[in-house]
Amino acid sequence: MTFIHHYFSGDSTTLSERENTALLKALVKDHKAALKVEYKQYELDYKQALKAAEAEYKRAKKQAEEDMYRKTLEAVKREVDIITTTDEYANSDEKTRIKIAQFQNWMGHAAAHRALEVESGDEAEGSGSEGSFMDEKMNPDVSV
């Protein structure tokens, strides 16, 4: 813009050149204002897209954690079911059977607790109640 001003503002310029200078200055000013508005719109669109992406990431992460938890419990249940069908388990002592029964009971409580967490949305709030439940119940008291 300074170039335009200096080019057309010399003493040797004609009236039409000065008018052209004024028109060019106005055009540049309007264009600059339009670019600022466009930039603000792009910035707003960027922020909205970022928020949408973050929400999708959180949703996908939560779903992946739920799937992992469910698949882990299902895998452990399958393994326990396999163990309980073996002759070794059938011939085991009462203490071993009680421990496995308590473990199966713990798995049922863990699955139920997780289902309640998911329904109530506690996990989305970051309460961390799952970890405390797991820590409390991981080593059930066995007194046989």
C-alpha atoms as a PDB file:
ATOM      1  CA  MET A   1       0.000   0.000   0.000  1.00  0.00           C
ATOM      2  CA  THR A   2       2.897   2.347   0.693  1.00  0.00           C
ATOM      3  CA  PHE A   3       4.259   1.621  -2.760  1.00  0.00           C
ATOM      4  CA  ILE A   4       0.946   2.642  -4.327  1.00  0.00           C
ATOM      5  CA  HIS A   5       0.842   5.824  -2.289  1.00  0.00           C
ATOM      6  CA  HIS A   6       4.409   6.834  -3.186  1.00  0.00           C
ATOM      7  CA  TYR A   7       4.033   5.908  -6.834  1.00  0.00           C
ATOM      8  CA  PHE A   8       0.941   7.987  -7.391  1.00  0.00           C
ATOM      9  CA  SER A   9       1.500  10.806  -4.910  1.00  0.00           C
ATOM     10  CA  GLY A  10       4.355  12.597  -6.624  1.00  0.00           C
ATOM     11  CA  ASP A  11       4.020  16.210  -7.766  1.00  0.00           C
ATOM     12  CA  SER A  12       4.024  15.151 -11.394  1.00  0.00           C
ATOM     13  CA  THR A  13       0.848  13.101 -11.020  1.00  0.00           C
ATOM     14  CA  THR A  14      -2.336  14.102 -12.709  1.00  0.00           C
ATOM     15  CA  LEU A  15      -5.744  14.387 -11.142  1.00  0.00           C
ATOM     16  CA  SER A  16      -6.834  11.026 -12.560  1.00  0.00           C
ATOM     17  CA  GLU A  17      -3.739   9.342 -11.112  1.00  0.00           C
ATOM     18  CA  ARG A  18      -4.578  10.754  -7.677  1.00  0.00           C
ATOM     19  CA  GLU A  19      -8.130   9.487  -8.035  1.00  0.00           C
ATOM     20  CA  ASN A  20      -6.772   6.077  -9.017  1.00  0.00           C
ATOM     21  CA  THR A  21      -4.544   6.156  -5.942  1.00  0.00           C
ATOM     22  CA  ALA A  22      -7.520   6.834  -3.710  1.00  0.00           C
ATOM     23  CA  LEU A  23      -9.513   4.059  -5.377  1.00  0.00           C
ATOM     24  CA  LEU A  24      -6.613   1.612  -5.036  1.00  0.00           C
ATOM     25  CA  LYS A  25      -6.201   2.502  -1.364  1.00  0.00           C
ATOM     26  CA  ALA A  26      -9.907   1.929  -0.771  1.00  0.00           C
ATOM     27  CA  LEU A  27      -9.762  -1.356  -2.680  1.00  0.00           C
ATOM     28  CA  VAL A  28      -6.770  -2.562  -0.663  1.00  0.00           C
ATOM     29  CA  LYS A  29      -8.438  -1.512   2.580  1.00  0.00           C
ATOM     30  CA  ASP A  30     -11.660  -3.364   1.665  1.00  0.00           C
ATOM     31  CA  HIS A  31      -9.700  -6.428   0.621  1.00  0.00           C
ATOM     32  CA  LYS A  32      -7.752  -6.370   3.873  1.00  0.00           C
ATOM     33  CA  ALA A  33     -10.992  -6.143   5.876  1.00  0.00           C
ATOM     34  CA  ALA A  34     -12.472  -9.029   3.872  1.00  0.00           C
ATOM     35  CA  LEU A  35      -9.377 -11.128   4.548  1.00  0.00           C
ATOM     36  CA  LYS A  36      -9.664 -10.440   8.285  1.00  0.00           C
ATOM     37  CA  VAL A  37     -13.299 -11.570   8.272  1.00  0.00           C
ATOM     38  CA  GLU A  38     -12.387 -14.668   6.263  1.00  0.00           C
ATOM     39  CA  TYR A  39      -9.525 -15.445   8.648  1.00  0.00           C
ATOM     40  CA  LYS A  40     -11.849 -15.185  11.648  1.00  0.00           C
ATOM     41  CA  GLN A  41     -14.320 -17.538   9.942  1.00  0.00           C
ATOM     42  CA  TYR A  42     -11.553 -20.059   9.226  1.00  0.00           C
ATOM     43  CA  GLU A  43     -10.416 -19.792  12.829  1.00  0.00           C
ATOM     44  CA  LEU A  44     -13.965 -20.416  14.081  1.00  0.00           C
ATOM     45  CA  ASP A  45     -14.364 -23.392  11.720  1.00  0.00           C
ATOM     46  CA  TYR A  46     -11.017 -24.773  12.909  1.00  0.00           C
ATOM     47  CA  LYS A  47     -12.022 -24.545  16.561  1.00  0.00           C
ATOM     48  CA  GLN A  48     -15.359 -26.247  15.885  1.00  0.00           C
ATOM     49  CA  ALA A  49     -13.662 -29.022  13.894  1.00  0.00           C
ATOM     50  CA  LEU A  50     -11.139 -29.492  16.686  1.00  0.00           C
ATOM     51  CA  LYS A  51     -13.886 -29.787  19.303  1.00  0.00           C
ATOM     52  CA  ALA A  52     -15.737 -32.315  17.142  1.00  0.00           C
ATOM     53  CA  ALA A  53     -12.551 -34.336  16.659  1.00  0.00           C
ATOM     54  CA  GLU A  54     -11.839 -34.320  20.402  1.00  0.00           C
ATOM     55  CA  ALA A  55     -15.371 -35.494  21.153  1.00  0.00           C
ATOM     56  CA  GLU A  56     -15.065 -38.292  18.574  1.00  0.00           C
ATOM     57  CA  TYR A  57     -11.682 -39.286  20.033  1.00  0.00           C
ATOM     58  CA  LYS A  58     -13.129 -39.486  23.548  1.00  0.00           C
ATOM     59  CA  ARG A  59     -16.092 -41.524  22.300  1.00  0.00           C
ATOM     60  CA  ALA A  60     -13.860 -43.929  20.372  1.00  0.00           C
ATOM     61  CA  LYS A  61     -11.464 -44.252  23.314  1.00  0.00           C
ATOM     62  CA  LYS A  62     -14.305 -44.998  25.725  1.00  0.00           C
ATOM     63  CA  GLN A  63     -15.773 -47.574  23.351  1.00  0.00           C
ATOM     64  CA  ALA A  64     -12.354 -49.216  22.888  1.00  0.00           C
ATOM     65  CA  GLU A  65     -11.848 -49.396  26.657  1.00  0.00           C
ATOM     66  CA  GLU A  66     -15.291 -50.925  27.128  1.00  0.00           C
ATOM     67  CA  ASP A  67     -14.621 -53.472  24.375  1.00  0.00           C
ATOM     68  CA  MET A  68     -11.226 -54.329  25.869  1.00  0.00           C
ATOM     69  CA  TYR A  69     -12.714 -54.757  29.332  1.00  0.00           C
ATOM     70  CA  ARG A  70     -15.571 -56.918  28.041  1.00  0.00           C
ATOM     71  CA  LYS A  71     -13.269 -59.069  25.890  1.00  0.00           C
ATOM     72  CA  THR A  72     -10.847 -59.524  28.793  1.00  0.00           C
ATOM     73  CA  LEU A  73     -13.621 -60.681  31.119  1.00  0.00           C
ATOM     74  CA  GLU A  74     -14.966 -63.003  28.421  1.00  0.00           C
ATOM     75  CA  ALA A  75     -11.502 -64.492  27.837  1.00  0.00           C
ATOM     76  CA  VAL A  76     -10.936 -65.029  31.559  1.00  0.00           C
ATOM     77  CA  LYS A  77     -14.393 -66.593  31.883  1.00  0.00           C
ATOM     78  CA  ARG A  78     -13.617 -68.979  29.009  1.00  0.00           C
ATOM     79  CA  GLU A  79     -10.337 -69.970  30.653  1.00  0.00           C
ATOM     80  CA  VAL A  80     -12.026 -70.558  34.014  1.00  0.00           C
ATOM     81  CA  ASP A  81     -14.716 -72.620  32.288  1.00  0.00           C
ATOM     82  CA  ILE A  82     -12.002 -74.717  30.640  1.00  0.00           C
ATOM     83  CA  ILE A  83     -10.266 -75.198  33.981  1.00  0.00           C
ATOM     84  CA  THR A  84     -13.471 -76.252  35.721  1.00  0.00           C
ATOM     85  CA  THR A  85     -14.125 -78.960  33.110  1.00  0.00           C
ATOM     86  CA  THR A  86     -10.751 -80.668  33.579  1.00  0.00           C
ATOM     87  CA  ASP A  87     -10.170 -83.836  35.576  1.00  0.00           C
ATOM     88  CA  GLU A  88      -7.519 -82.000  37.563  1.00  0.00           C
ATOM     89  CA  TYR A  89     -10.147 -79.559  38.841  1.00  0.00           C
ATOM     90  CA  ALA A  90     -12.599 -82.392  39.517  1.00  0.00           C
ATOM     91  CA  ASN A  91      -9.951 -84.132  41.639  1.00  0.00           C
ATOM     92  CA  SER A  92      -8.788 -80.943  43.403  1.00  0.00           C
ATOM     93  CA  ASP A  93      -9.239 -80.209  47.080  1.00  0.00           C
ATOM     94  CA  GLU A  94     -11.998 -78.067  48.564  1.00  0.00           C
ATOM     95  CA  LYS A  95      -9.717 -75.039  49.087  1.00  0.00           C
ATOM     96  CA  THR A  96      -8.934 -74.845  45.353  1.00  0.00           C
ATOM     97  CA  ARG A  97     -12.589 -75.140  44.418  1.00  0.00           C
ATOM     98  CA  ILE A  98     -13.509 -72.360  46.863  1.00  0.00           C
ATOM     99  CA  LYS A  99     -10.792 -70.093  45.443  1.00  0.00           C
ATOM    100  CA  ILE A 100     -12.041 -70.622  41.899  1.00  0.00           C
ATOM    101  CA  ALA A 101     -15.647 -70.084  43.002  1.00  0.00           C
ATOM    102  CA  GLN A 102     -14.620 -66.843  44.733  1.00  0.00           C
ATOM    103  CA  PHE A 103     -12.747 -65.757  41.617  1.00  0.00           C
ATOM    104  CA  GLN A 104     -15.824 -66.456  39.492  1.00  0.00           C
ATOM    105  CA  ASN A 105     -17.897 -64.468  41.981  1.00  0.00           C
ATOM    106  CA  TRP A 106     -15.405 -61.603  41.794  1.00  0.00           C
ATOM    107  CA  MET A 107     -15.599 -61.666  37.977  1.00  0.00           C
ATOM    108  CA  GLY A 108     -19.385 -61.424  38.169  1.00  0.00           C
ATOM    109  CA  HIS A 109     -19.142 -58.448  40.528  1.00  0.00           C
ATOM    110  CA  ALA A 110     -16.520 -56.781  38.308  1.00  0.00           C
ATOM    111  CA  ALA A 111     -18.738 -57.172  35.239  1.00  0.00           C
ATOM    112  CA  ALA A 112     -21.800 -55.872  37.109  1.00  0.00           C
ATOM    113  CA  HIS A 113     -19.827 -52.965  38.568  1.00  0.00           C
ATOM    114  CA  ARG A 114     -18.504 -52.071  35.129  1.00  0.00           C
ATOM    115  CA  ALA A 115     -22.004 -52.207  33.642  1.00  0.00           C
ATOM    116  CA  LEU A 116     -23.256 -49.819  36.340  1.00  0.00           C
ATOM    117  CA  GLU A 117     -20.334 -47.472  35.699  1.00  0.00           C
ATOM    118  CA  VAL A 118     -21.047 -47.374  31.998  1.00  0.00           C
ATOM    119  CA  GLU A 119     -24.775 -46.779  32.538  1.00  0.00           C
ATOM    120  CA  SER A 120     -24.277 -44.021  35.090  1.00  0.00           C
ATOM    121  CA  GLY A 121     -21.481 -42.360  33.136  1.00  0.00           C
ATOM    122  CA  ASP A 122     -19.062 -42.313  36.067  1.00  0.00           C
ATOM    123  CA  GLU A 123     -16.164 -43.244  33.848  1.00  0.00           C
ATOM    124  CA  ALA A 124     -16.810 -40.324  31.519  1.00  0.00           C
ATOM    125  CA  GLU A 125     -16.470 -38.001  34.501  1.00  0.00           C
ATOM    126  CA  GLY A 126     -13.135 -39.569  35.423  1.00  0.00           C
ATOM    127  CA  SER A 127     -14.170 -40.781  38.861  1.00  0.00           C
ATOM    128  CA  GLY A 128     -11.673 -43.631  38.817  1.00  0.00           C
ATOM    129  CA  SER A 129     -13.983 -45.868  40.812  1.00  0.00           C
ATOM    130  CA  GLU A 130     -13.119 -48.868  38.654  1.00  0.00           C
ATOM    131  CA  GLY A 131      -9.526 -48.881  39.863  1.00  0.00           C
ATOM    132  CA  SER A 132     -10.502 -48.811  43.524  1.00  0.00           C
ATOM    133  CA  PHE A 133     -13.018 -51.624  43.015  1.00  0.00           C
ATOM    134  CA  MET A 134     -10.398 -53.695  41.215  1.00  0.00           C
ATOM    135  CA  ASP A 135      -7.814 -53.043  43.930  1.00  0.00           C
ATOM    136  CA  GLU A 136     -10.210 -54.000  46.715  1.00  0.00           C
ATOM    137  CA  LYS A 137     -11.505 -57.158  45.088  1.00  0.00           C
ATOM    138  CA  MET A 138      -8.397 -58.463  43.345  1.00  0.00           C
ATOM    139  CA  ASN A 139      -7.209 -60.407  46.391  1.00  0.00           C
ATOM    140  CA  PRO A 140     -10.350 -61.789  48.019  1.00  0.00           C
ATOM    141  CA  ASP A 141      -9.978 -62.955  51.576  1.00  0.00           C
ATOM    142  CA  VAL A 142      -9.835 -66.754  51.560  1.00  0.00           C
ATOM    143  CA  SER A 143      -9.972 -68.359  54.963  1.00  0.00           C
ATOM    144  CA  VAL A 144     -10.269 -72.111  54.488  1.00  0.00           C
END
